[in-house]
Amino acid sequence: MSELPPVTAVERLAHELREQIRSGELAHGTLLPGTQALTRLHKVSASTVSKAINQLKDEGLVVTAFRSGRAVNYPGRGTHEGPKPLTVLVGGEAGRSNRELGQVLAERTQWALLDYETLTAPLINTALHHLDDFLADDTARRQHYSTLTSTANDALVRAAIQNLACGSCSIVVAPLAEPFADLDWRRRMAAAAVSVGGTIRLLWMMSESDEGGPATAQPPPFPSSEPTAPSLGPEHGSPPPIWYVYVDPTDAASSGRQLDELVSVLRHEAGR
């Protein structure tokens, strides 16, 4: 069934932008012009621009890029295939060995390491220490800790995106449980990476206490789909998948082979 001809100013603008995206004129991962630029270019109001962009967001053709405006999300057109600088986000629950995994990956790939515990945790702990006299109870302390942790995670990822813009690969280690569970956050991360010519991979360091146990991440542990995640096609802006990694501390040989394979996959994807 063919599309109905656009009638309102909002529909006309959405139609024009949609056609530019589908034709590849606005390539996948590129940032859309700002609101003021679109109002001047198409001679419409800022309200019309906002409503048209929201239509395209509902269709999955536009996503909110991380701290970078609005990006095109249409992998079928205008995408350059080939090696790209890569950022690897390594998540895990507090106290897990995701930090050790990140350090091993950084050593073996010779990529930059952005470690939450080294770069941001000391600042958070210092801030909470100085705020203790002003926090009424443990609930207030937890709320402040959550806010500070979220801000610290954002800062690490922004640094990683800046590395991608410079053509550099990096390993980011942080307590990313909540962001990883947020499909929209993962879409924004992917769009931000693509917008600067890079890509991202999400790794989750599993342990025996994780739901489903290590069986869900036994070799080959990557790539691994998420059984509880909704099935989203490219037209809806699929979030990047999470690769589950389980390293058995009692089997050094098997763990070594898994790490070798993982490093090989990442280096191949980045063309390094």
Protein backbone atom coordinates (compact mmCIF):
# COMPACT_ATOMS: atom_id res chain seq x y z
CA MET A 1 0.00 0.00 0.00
CA SER A 2 1.43 3.38 -1.02
CA GLU A 3 1.83 6.17 1.48
CA LEU A 4 -0.85 8.87 1.61
CA PRO A 5 0.36 12.21 0.26
CA PRO A 6 1.48 14.59 3.03
CA VAL A 7 -1.09 17.23 3.92
CA THR A 8 0.09 19.25 6.92
CA ALA A 9 3.39 21.08 7.27
CA VAL A 10 4.49 18.47 9.80
CA GLU A 11 3.68 15.62 7.41
CA ARG A 12 5.43 17.36 4.50
CA LEU A 13 8.61 17.92 6.49
CA ALA A 14 8.57 14.37 7.88
CA HIS A 15 8.06 13.07 4.32
CA GLU A 16 10.99 15.07 2.93
CA LEU A 17 13.35 13.97 5.68
CA ARG A 18 12.13 10.37 5.44
CA GLU A 19 12.88 10.29 1.71
CA GLN A 20 16.34 11.79 2.26
CA ILE A 21 17.06 9.07 4.81
CA ARG A 22 15.76 6.24 2.62
CA SER A 23 17.68 7.48 -0.42
CA GLY A 24 20.92 7.69 1.55
CA GLU A 25 21.19 11.47 1.16
CA LEU A 26 21.04 11.53 4.95
CA ALA A 27 23.29 8.56 5.71
CA HIS A 28 22.95 6.14 8.59
CA GLY A 29 24.66 7.48 11.72
CA THR A 30 24.98 11.07 10.54
CA LEU A 31 23.58 13.86 12.67
CA LEU A 32 20.52 15.75 11.48
CA PRO A 33 20.81 19.52 11.15
CA GLY A 34 19.74 21.41 14.27
CA THR A 35 16.25 22.78 14.75
CA GLN A 36 17.19 26.32 13.72
CA ALA A 37 18.88 25.08 10.55
CA LEU A 38 15.82 23.00 9.62
CA THR A 39 13.44 25.89 10.25
CA ARG A 40 15.47 28.13 7.92
CA LEU A 41 15.97 25.44 5.29
CA HIS A 42 12.35 24.31 5.10
CA LYS A 43 10.72 27.63 6.12
CA VAL A 44 8.70 26.09 8.95
CA SER A 45 8.35 26.74 12.67
CA ALA A 46 10.41 25.12 15.39
CA SER A 47 7.25 23.37 16.59
CA THR A 48 6.77 21.82 13.13
CA VAL A 49 10.37 20.60 13.14
CA SER A 50 9.97 19.06 16.58
CA LYS A 51 6.75 17.24 15.65
CA ALA A 52 8.20 15.96 12.36
CA ILE A 53 11.32 14.67 14.10
CA ASN A 54 9.17 12.95 16.71
CA GLN A 55 7.32 11.15 13.90
CA LEU A 56 10.61 9.88 12.52
CA LYS A 57 11.68 8.82 16.01
CA ASP A 58 8.44 6.84 16.37
CA GLU A 59 9.28 5.14 13.06
CA GLY A 60 12.80 4.34 14.26
CA LEU A 61 14.44 6.40 11.51
CA VAL A 62 15.92 8.91 13.95
CA VAL A 63 17.42 8.31 17.39
CA THR A 64 18.73 10.65 20.04
CA ALA A 65 22.52 10.45 19.86
CA PHE A 66 24.38 10.57 23.16
CA ARG A 67 24.90 14.25 23.99
CA SER A 68 25.15 14.89 20.27
CA GLY A 69 21.70 15.74 18.94
CA ARG A 70 19.67 13.53 16.63
CA ALA A 71 21.14 10.86 14.37
CA VAL A 72 19.85 8.93 11.37
CA ASN A 73 19.10 5.27 12.08
CA TYR A 74 18.74 3.49 8.72
CA PRO A 75 21.47 0.86 8.28
CA GLY A 76 20.16 -0.22 4.88
CA ARG A 77 21.49 2.90 3.15
CA GLY A 78 24.57 5.05 3.18
CA THR A 79 26.59 2.76 5.44
CA HIS A 80 30.29 2.26 4.86
CA GLU A 81 31.21 -1.34 5.54
CA GLY A 82 34.66 -2.18 6.79
CA PRO A 83 36.87 -1.84 9.86
CA LYS A 84 36.02 1.01 12.20
CA PRO A 85 37.49 2.18 15.51
CA LEU A 86 35.84 0.22 18.29
CA THR A 87 34.82 0.96 21.87
CA VAL A 88 34.17 -2.03 24.11
CA LEU A 89 31.96 -1.39 27.15
CA VAL A 90 32.61 -4.04 29.81
CA GLY A 91 29.87 -4.25 32.42
CA GLY A 92 29.27 -6.40 35.47
CA GLU A 93 27.72 -6.23 38.91
CA ALA A 94 29.68 -4.56 41.70
CA GLY A 95 32.45 -6.77 43.00
CA ARG A 96 32.64 -8.87 39.83
CA SER A 97 35.79 -9.46 37.84
CA ASN A 98 34.77 -7.26 34.89
CA ARG A 99 37.62 -4.93 35.86
CA GLU A 100 40.14 -7.74 35.47
CA LEU A 101 38.56 -8.69 32.14
CA GLY A 102 38.87 -5.09 30.94
CA GLN A 103 42.51 -4.92 31.99
CA VAL A 104 43.31 -8.18 30.17
CA LEU A 105 41.55 -6.98 27.00
CA ALA A 106 43.39 -3.65 27.12
CA GLU A 107 46.74 -5.37 27.57
CA ARG A 108 46.16 -7.85 24.74
CA THR A 109 44.70 -5.34 22.27
CA GLN A 110 46.98 -2.43 23.33
CA TRP A 111 43.88 -0.20 23.39
CA ALA A 112 43.23 2.59 25.89
CA LEU A 113 41.62 1.57 29.20
CA LEU A 114 39.00 3.84 30.80
CA ASP A 115 38.39 2.31 34.22
CA TYR A 116 35.61 3.48 36.53
CA GLU A 117 37.48 2.43 39.67
CA THR A 118 40.58 4.38 38.68
CA LEU A 119 39.12 7.48 37.02
CA THR A 120 35.81 8.24 38.70
CA ALA A 121 35.19 6.15 41.85
CA PRO A 122 37.69 8.16 43.95
CA LEU A 123 35.88 11.38 43.01
CA ILE A 124 32.51 9.86 43.94
CA ASN A 125 33.78 8.61 47.29
CA THR A 126 35.35 11.98 48.08
CA ALA A 127 32.17 13.82 47.16
CA LEU A 128 30.04 11.54 49.34
CA HIS A 129 32.47 11.94 52.22
CA HIS A 130 32.14 15.73 52.09
CA LEU A 131 28.36 15.47 51.71
CA ASP A 132 27.91 13.21 54.74
CA ASP A 133 27.15 16.12 57.06
CA PHE A 134 24.35 17.27 54.75
CA LEU A 135 22.73 13.90 53.98
CA ALA A 136 19.81 13.10 56.25
CA ASP A 137 19.95 9.31 56.07
CA ASP A 138 21.12 6.27 54.10
CA THR A 139 18.32 6.74 51.57
CA ALA A 140 19.61 10.20 50.66
CA ARG A 141 23.16 8.84 50.45
CA ARG A 142 22.04 6.06 48.08
CA GLN A 143 20.21 8.59 45.89
CA HIS A 144 23.29 10.78 45.66
CA TYR A 145 25.48 7.75 44.97
CA SER A 146 23.16 6.67 42.14
CA THR A 147 23.20 10.15 40.60
CA LEU A 148 26.98 10.45 40.85
CA THR A 149 27.50 6.96 39.42
CA SER A 150 25.25 7.70 36.45
CA THR A 151 27.12 10.95 35.78
CA ALA A 152 30.46 9.14 36.04
CA ASN A 153 29.32 6.44 33.59
CA ASP A 154 28.22 9.14 31.14
CA ALA A 155 31.60 10.86 31.43
CA LEU A 156 33.48 7.63 30.69
CA VAL A 157 31.34 6.89 27.65
CA ARG A 158 31.72 10.47 26.37
CA ALA A 159 35.48 10.05 26.62
CA ALA A 160 35.23 6.78 24.68
CA ILE A 161 33.16 8.45 21.94
CA GLN A 162 35.77 11.21 21.70
CA ASN A 163 38.42 8.50 21.26
CA LEU A 164 36.37 7.03 18.42
CA ALA A 165 36.19 10.46 16.77
CA CYS A 166 40.01 10.48 16.84
CA GLY A 167 40.12 6.97 15.32
CA SER A 168 41.22 5.33 18.60
CA CYS A 169 39.88 2.13 20.13
CA SER A 170 39.23 1.85 23.86
CA ILE A 171 38.04 -0.47 26.63
CA VAL A 172 35.58 1.05 29.13
CA VAL A 173 35.01 -0.74 32.46
CA ALA A 174 32.14 0.45 34.65
CA PRO A 175 29.12 -0.77 36.69
CA LEU A 176 26.78 -0.60 33.69
CA ALA A 177 23.91 -2.84 34.83
CA GLU A 178 21.16 -0.22 34.56
CA PRO A 179 22.38 1.32 31.27
CA PHE A 180 22.78 -2.12 29.67
CA ALA A 181 19.17 -2.95 30.59
CA ASP A 182 17.96 0.28 28.93
CA LEU A 183 17.34 -0.44 25.24
CA ASP A 184 17.05 3.27 24.41
CA TRP A 185 20.41 3.96 26.09
CA ARG A 186 22.01 1.25 23.97
CA ARG A 187 20.47 2.70 20.80
CA ARG A 188 21.87 6.13 21.67
CA MET A 189 25.32 4.68 22.30
CA ALA A 190 25.30 2.91 18.93
CA ALA A 191 24.11 6.06 17.14
CA ALA A 192 26.75 8.21 18.86
CA ALA A 193 29.49 5.76 17.86
CA VAL A 194 28.31 5.58 14.25
CA SER A 195 28.00 9.37 14.07
CA VAL A 196 31.78 9.69 14.58
CA GLY A 197 32.66 6.77 12.30
CA GLY A 198 33.06 4.10 14.98
CA THR A 199 31.17 1.25 16.56
CA ILE A 200 30.63 -0.24 20.02
CA ARG A 201 30.45 -3.69 21.58
CA LEU A 202 28.81 -4.41 24.92
CA LEU A 203 30.28 -7.19 27.08
CA TRP A 204 28.72 -8.47 30.29
CA MET A 205 30.99 -10.36 32.67
CA MET A 206 28.94 -13.24 34.06
CA SER A 207 29.47 -15.32 37.18
CA GLU A 208 27.87 -18.47 38.52
CA SER A 209 25.38 -16.42 40.51
CA ASP A 210 23.96 -14.73 37.42
CA GLU A 211 20.44 -15.82 36.49
CA GLY A 212 20.68 -18.74 34.10
CA GLY A 213 24.18 -19.56 35.32
CA PRO A 214 27.28 -19.86 33.20
CA ALA A 215 25.54 -22.35 30.93
CA THR A 216 24.01 -19.45 29.02
CA ALA A 217 27.49 -18.10 28.30
CA GLN A 218 29.57 -21.21 27.79
CA PRO A 219 31.65 -21.36 24.60
CA PRO A 220 30.94 -19.79 22.25
CA PRO A 221 29.93 -16.99 24.64
CA PHE A 222 29.81 -14.32 21.95
CA PRO A 223 27.84 -13.15 20.18
CA SER A 224 24.92 -14.11 22.40
CA SER A 225 21.31 -13.05 22.06
CA GLU A 226 19.19 -11.97 24.96
CA PRO A 227 16.19 -14.26 25.48
CA THR A 228 14.26 -11.65 27.44
CA ALA A 229 14.89 -8.76 25.06
CA PRO A 230 12.15 -7.79 22.59
CA SER A 231 12.80 -8.63 18.96
CA LEU A 232 13.38 -5.37 17.13
CA GLY A 233 14.11 -5.11 13.44
CA PRO A 234 16.43 -2.51 11.87
CA GLU A 235 13.43 -0.34 11.05
CA HIS A 236 12.82 0.07 14.78
CA GLY A 237 16.41 0.90 15.64
CA SER A 238 17.68 -2.35 17.11
CA PRO A 239 19.95 -1.82 20.10
CA PRO A 240 23.40 -3.42 19.92
CA PRO A 241 23.38 -6.91 21.47
CA ILE A 242 25.17 -7.77 24.68
CA TRP A 243 27.93 -10.38 24.45
CA TYR A 244 27.96 -12.51 27.58
CA VAL A 245 31.37 -13.65 28.79
CA TYR A 246 32.02 -16.27 31.47
CA VAL A 247 35.59 -17.03 32.47
CA ASP A 248 35.89 -20.13 34.64
CA PRO A 249 38.52 -19.43 37.33
CA THR A 250 39.00 -23.17 37.86
CA ASP A 251 39.90 -23.87 34.22
CA ALA A 252 42.78 -21.66 33.15
CA ALA A 253 43.25 -23.38 29.76
CA SER A 254 39.61 -22.96 28.73
CA SER A 255 39.52 -19.38 30.00
CA GLY A 256 42.68 -18.57 28.06
CA ARG A 257 41.19 -19.93 24.84
CA GLN A 258 38.00 -17.92 25.35
CA LEU A 259 39.95 -14.73 25.94
CA ASP A 260 42.15 -15.38 22.89
CA GLU A 261 39.04 -15.87 20.76
CA LEU A 262 37.38 -12.74 22.14
CA VAL A 263 40.47 -10.60 21.54
CA SER A 264 40.76 -12.00 18.01
CA VAL A 265 37.13 -11.15 17.25
CA LEU A 266 37.46 -7.60 18.58
CA ARG A 267 40.73 -6.89 16.78
CA HIS A 268 39.32 -8.27 13.52
CA GLU A 269 36.20 -6.12 13.81
CA ALA A 270 38.30 -3.02 14.40
CA GLY A 271 40.73 -3.97 11.64
CA ARG A 272 43.66 -3.79 14.07
